């Protein structure tokens, strides 16, 4: 019995694959070793693992997670998972590897994660290499939910947003300067708070303001990241809710730059299950 997991900053998708081929899925909060301790991994699994399944029967765990690229952080995640799955061999890989495998399997391509955060990497069919660093929601994360939310809030408070949209934002979110500053600077997971404003963009997609904001975000993504891979002639595939919600806008931007567009996946977990169900458990 194997377990495959894909963990972003907001939530983790888990799939238990039985020897019969049957699959049982469940969700938990996002797990990121930047923010979560080993004990929190155990606590989250204790609260969310299906009651009718014996965790000791899991033989292999394949965990793809944000924040897991660095060795010291990978160890935090691996130790936390090993404490819960005591009889399993645990392999922890970055969400970038997970995105690439779900998009391209064993083929080459440029993998882009566009969710709460952003990550771009070249995938050679086995491993990933980034030609530009992922700087997080404060310094980077271009075209992510967090970066778009940051623009929405600054435009709202600086009154650069059209008045009718400012009124809609007030009605939908009830924001005040004090509450926003407290949420961002004094409370945990401000990146998730910023990304929570993406539905506002989706609801107002037809407005010139939103079209310009999204177009500007994807142009910033190109200038910071995508341009470094342009000469390779490989398709750009996208994983994540933000990328899929604005798929047409992304396609337009990439087409204008003369780049190839690859597949889009909102959730990579089912493709990862297929990848690890090919009789190659050691992967």
Foldseek 3Di string as FASTA:
>chain_A
DAKEWEAEQAKIKIWDQDPVRDIDIWMWGGDALVPDALVVLQVRCVVIPDPVDDLQPHAEYEYEHANCDDPVSVVRPQSSVCVNNVRYDYDYHYSQVLQCCLFPVQDWFWEWEAELAIDIWTDHSHDTDFPFDGPDLPPDRQLHLLVLLVVVVVCLVVVVDPPVLNVVCCVVPVDDPVVLCCLQPPHPDNSVVSSVCVVSLLVPVPDPVSLVSNLVSLVVCCVRGVVVCQVVQHAYEYEADSCVSCVVSNVVNCVVVVHHHGYYYHDSRVSVVVSCPPPCVVD
